[in-house]
Protein backbone atom coordinates (compact mmCIF):
# COMPACT_ATOMS: atom_id res chain seq x y z
CA MET A 1 -137.94 85.62 -4.10
CA ALA A 2 -139.66 86.66 -7.15
CA TYR A 3 -137.53 87.02 -9.87
CA LYS A 4 -137.02 89.03 -13.01
CA ALA A 5 -136.42 88.11 -16.45
CA ILE A 6 -135.76 89.09 -19.85
CA ILE A 7 -135.26 86.83 -23.32
CA ALA A 8 -133.86 88.23 -26.26
CA GLY A 9 -134.98 85.19 -29.19
CA ALA A 10 -137.94 83.69 -27.58
CA SER A 11 -139.47 83.00 -31.33
CA GLY A 12 -136.11 80.71 -31.72
CA LEU A 13 -135.53 76.69 -31.28
CA ILE A 14 -134.31 77.39 -27.78
CA GLY A 15 -135.36 80.35 -26.66
CA SER A 16 -139.16 79.53 -27.63
CA ASN A 17 -138.40 76.53 -24.97
CA LEU A 18 -137.38 78.82 -22.72
CA LEU A 19 -140.42 81.05 -22.27
CA THR A 20 -142.57 78.56 -21.60
CA MET A 21 -140.19 76.98 -18.65
CA LEU A 22 -139.96 80.47 -17.22
CA LEU A 23 -143.92 81.26 -17.89
CA GLN A 24 -144.52 77.92 -15.37
CA HIS A 25 -141.43 78.61 -13.04
CA PRO A 26 -142.74 79.62 -9.63
CA GLU A 27 -139.31 81.99 -8.85
CA TYR A 28 -140.06 84.12 -12.13
CA ASP A 29 -142.73 86.34 -11.89
CA GLU A 30 -142.06 88.79 -14.61
CA VAL A 31 -140.69 87.42 -18.05
CA LEU A 32 -140.25 90.59 -20.75
CA VAL A 33 -139.32 89.57 -23.77
CA LEU A 34 -137.70 91.75 -26.46
CA THR A 35 -139.26 91.40 -30.19
CA ARG A 36 -139.10 92.45 -33.42
CA ARG A 37 -142.81 91.04 -33.84
CA GLN A 38 -145.46 90.41 -31.57
CA LEU A 39 -145.61 86.85 -30.16
CA PRO A 40 -148.44 84.71 -29.81
CA VAL A 41 -148.33 83.85 -26.06
CA GLU A 42 -150.59 85.03 -23.59
CA HIS A 43 -149.38 84.87 -19.86
CA LYS A 44 -149.84 87.09 -16.99
CA LYS A 45 -146.46 87.03 -16.28
CA LEU A 46 -145.41 87.62 -20.10
CA ILE A 47 -144.52 91.29 -21.16
CA GLN A 48 -143.52 92.02 -24.77
CA ALA A 49 -141.54 95.10 -26.21
CA VAL A 50 -141.50 95.16 -29.58
CA ILE A 51 -138.48 96.45 -30.26
CA ASP A 52 -135.55 97.82 -33.08
CA PHE A 53 -133.24 96.24 -32.31
CA ASN A 54 -130.61 98.44 -34.64
CA ASP A 55 -131.31 101.01 -31.67
CA LEU A 56 -131.56 99.03 -28.67
CA ASP A 57 -129.68 102.34 -26.59
CA ARG A 58 -133.09 103.49 -26.86
CA TYR A 59 -134.10 100.59 -24.68
CA SER A 60 -131.83 100.75 -22.16
CA ASN A 61 -134.74 101.60 -19.32
CA LEU A 62 -135.99 98.03 -20.33
CA ILE A 63 -133.31 96.13 -19.48
CA ASN A 64 -132.97 95.28 -15.88
CA GLY A 65 -133.95 92.64 -13.29
CA HIS A 66 -131.99 88.99 -11.84
CA VAL A 67 -130.97 87.97 -15.45
CA LEU A 68 -131.06 87.86 -19.53
CA PHE A 69 -130.77 85.41 -21.49
CA CYS A 70 -129.51 86.05 -25.24
CA ALA A 71 -131.20 83.30 -27.89
CA LEU A 72 -130.39 85.47 -30.83
CA GLY A 73 -129.21 83.81 -34.05
CA THR A 74 -129.19 83.41 -37.71
CA THR A 75 -127.78 81.11 -40.35
CA GLN A 76 -125.94 81.65 -43.42
CA LYS A 77 -128.50 80.38 -45.22
CA GLN A 78 -131.10 82.95 -43.72
CA THR A 79 -129.09 85.72 -43.67
CA PRO A 80 -126.37 86.03 -46.68
CA ASP A 81 -124.95 89.71 -46.14
CA ARG A 82 -122.55 89.16 -44.05
CA ILE A 83 -122.93 92.98 -42.40
CA GLN A 84 -126.28 92.02 -41.18
CA TYR A 85 -125.37 88.42 -40.22
CA ARG A 86 -122.79 89.98 -37.96
CA GLN A 87 -125.22 92.37 -36.66
CA ILE A 88 -127.26 89.49 -35.46
CA ASP A 89 -124.78 87.08 -34.19
CA HIS A 90 -122.54 89.75 -32.33
CA ASP A 91 -123.13 93.02 -32.62
CA TYR A 92 -127.27 92.55 -30.87
CA PRO A 93 -126.04 89.97 -28.16
CA VAL A 94 -122.89 92.57 -26.85
CA LYS A 95 -125.02 95.52 -26.81
CA LEU A 96 -127.39 93.85 -24.42
CA ALA A 97 -124.56 92.27 -22.36
CA GLN A 98 -122.88 95.88 -21.87
CA LEU A 99 -126.77 97.24 -21.29
CA ALA A 100 -127.19 94.73 -18.70
CA ALA A 101 -123.49 95.03 -17.38
CA LYS A 102 -124.82 99.48 -17.01
CA ASN A 103 -128.17 98.59 -15.71
CA GLY A 104 -126.93 96.43 -12.64
CA VAL A 105 -128.67 93.12 -14.44
CA ASN A 106 -127.25 89.92 -12.28
CA GLU A 107 -126.66 87.89 -14.58
CA TYR A 108 -126.34 87.21 -18.61
CA HIS A 109 -126.74 84.02 -20.66
CA LEU A 110 -125.62 83.82 -24.18
CA ILE A 111 -126.40 80.84 -26.72
CA SER A 112 -122.95 80.86 -28.69
CA ALA A 113 -122.12 77.19 -30.92
CA ILE A 114 -119.55 74.33 -30.46
CA GLY A 115 -116.71 75.74 -32.02
CA ALA A 116 -116.71 79.29 -31.63
CA ASN A 117 -113.74 80.82 -31.99
CA SER A 118 -112.16 84.44 -32.69
CA ALA A 119 -109.78 82.92 -34.47
CA SER A 120 -111.53 80.77 -36.80
CA SER A 121 -110.97 81.29 -40.65
CA ASN A 122 -114.70 79.87 -40.87
CA TYR A 123 -116.84 83.11 -40.57
CA TYR A 124 -119.98 81.65 -38.21
CA LEU A 125 -117.19 80.36 -36.03
CA LYS A 126 -115.13 83.60 -35.98
CA THR A 127 -118.26 85.30 -35.20
CA LYS A 128 -119.89 83.54 -32.80
CA GLY A 129 -116.24 83.74 -30.99
CA ASP A 130 -115.83 87.35 -31.19
CA ALA A 131 -119.54 87.84 -29.89
CA GLU A 132 -118.00 85.37 -26.85
CA LEU A 133 -115.32 87.70 -26.30
CA ASP A 134 -117.08 91.14 -26.05
CA VAL A 135 -119.57 89.68 -24.59
CA LYS A 136 -117.52 88.31 -21.74
CA ALA A 137 -115.89 91.99 -21.62
CA ALA A 138 -118.86 93.52 -20.74
CA GLY A 139 -118.38 92.63 -17.07
CA VAL A 140 -121.59 91.48 -16.12
CA LYS A 141 -121.59 89.84 -12.13
CA SER A 142 -122.69 86.14 -13.63
CA THR A 143 -122.03 85.38 -17.33
CA TYR A 144 -122.86 81.61 -18.73
CA ILE A 145 -122.27 80.83 -22.20
CA TYR A 146 -123.94 77.86 -23.59
CA GLN A 147 -122.07 76.06 -26.58
CA PRO A 148 -124.33 73.71 -27.97
CA SER A 149 -123.83 71.24 -30.68
CA PHE A 150 -126.04 70.65 -33.67
CA LEU A 151 -129.80 71.56 -32.17
CA GLU A 152 -132.77 68.59 -32.15
CA GLY A 153 -136.16 70.03 -31.44
CA ASP A 154 -139.65 70.70 -34.13
CA ARG A 155 -139.06 74.29 -36.02
CA ASP A 156 -141.73 75.96 -37.24
CA GLU A 157 -140.54 75.50 -40.79
CA PRO A 158 -138.94 72.06 -41.23
CA ARG A 159 -136.20 71.92 -43.41
CA LEU A 160 -135.18 69.46 -45.51
CA GLY A 161 -131.11 69.80 -43.97
CA GLU A 162 -132.16 69.29 -40.52
CA LYS A 163 -134.13 66.59 -41.05
CA ILE A 164 -131.40 64.65 -42.70
CA ALA A 165 -128.90 65.47 -39.90
CA ASN A 166 -131.33 64.24 -37.05
CA VAL A 167 -130.48 61.01 -39.07
CA VAL A 168 -127.42 61.06 -39.15
CA PHE A 169 -126.68 61.74 -35.75
CA ALA A 170 -128.91 59.17 -34.28
CA VAL A 171 -125.99 56.94 -35.68
CA LEU A 172 -122.97 59.04 -34.76
CA ASN A 173 -124.28 59.63 -31.43
CA PRO A 174 -123.28 56.65 -29.70
CA LEU A 175 -119.74 56.87 -31.48
CA LEU A 176 -118.99 60.07 -30.29
CA ILE A 177 -117.09 58.93 -27.42
CA GLY A 178 -114.46 61.06 -24.83
CA GLY A 179 -113.52 64.14 -26.14
CA LEU A 180 -115.66 63.85 -28.89
CA LYS A 181 -118.80 64.11 -26.67
CA LYS A 182 -118.89 67.66 -26.93
CA TYR A 183 -119.64 67.33 -30.82
CA LYS A 184 -123.12 64.94 -29.42
CA SER A 185 -126.76 66.17 -30.85
CA ILE A 186 -128.56 68.01 -28.28
CA LYS A 187 -132.58 68.87 -27.59
CA ALA A 188 -132.97 72.52 -27.60
CA GLU A 189 -135.17 72.06 -24.74
CA THR A 190 -132.04 70.35 -22.54
CA VAL A 191 -130.38 73.56 -23.40
CA ALA A 192 -133.52 75.76 -22.24
CA ARG A 193 -133.31 74.28 -19.24
CA ALA A 194 -129.48 74.43 -18.28
CA MET A 195 -130.30 77.77 -18.90
CA LEU A 196 -132.90 78.30 -16.41
CA ASN A 197 -131.29 75.74 -13.75
CA GLN A 198 -128.18 77.88 -13.76
CA SER A 199 -130.28 80.89 -13.33
CA LEU A 200 -131.14 80.21 -10.25
CA THR A 201 -127.79 79.53 -8.69
CA ASN A 202 -126.17 82.66 -8.08
CA ASP A 203 -122.61 82.07 -8.65
CA ASN A 204 -120.32 84.35 -10.17
CA GLY A 205 -117.77 84.52 -12.76
CA VAL A 206 -117.67 83.02 -16.49
CA PHE A 207 -118.94 80.00 -17.34
CA VAL A 208 -119.07 78.50 -20.22
CA TYR A 209 -120.57 75.03 -21.14
CA THR A 210 -120.21 72.47 -24.04
CA THR A 211 -123.26 69.24 -24.71
CA GLU A 212 -122.65 66.89 -22.14
CA LYS A 213 -121.75 69.74 -19.45
CA ILE A 214 -125.76 71.29 -20.67
CA LYS A 215 -127.34 67.57 -20.27
CA GLN A 216 -125.63 67.38 -17.04
CA LEU A 217 -127.02 71.04 -15.73
CA ALA A 218 -130.32 70.11 -17.36
């Protein structure tokens, strides 16, 4: 069966890996990327829609097919304004889930973060937790939420803090056992592979996966 996939956030660490995998996978014959600016990628399966995420209702007709993958996200350093930060990490993913449910998209896959909790005093984790709750409430038949810990991968703009974190996690990972396994670092490619694999299972319900489970699914 040939499927259509939609990706929001295809320029990011996980999204870019996922895009490459989808374009290579025989089960998908169309991949639509929702993006703020054209990506330097060309492929016979790929369609790029340059959109304004502040006006997603205007593009409702594009939100159809088998699955919508949402890998949108920012950091407090990149987006210090809290209103704009919440738009990217909460408002856009939730609106996309609502449009997906309205238009009969079978699956919605959301990248969240370990520790996401709407009751958290940490603004980042609270925003992620709020997004999870509201995405679940949107009512897509199959909703998958991924809560990875620190992401390993090659970024377009290497960050000193992340280079240091890579070194730290190389030491810490073997020490994180039992209930602490979910805090181990994970490759962005591994998360993307898990998302692709789960998109082909056709399970119904809401599923939340932390790092160790994501590694198993990949």
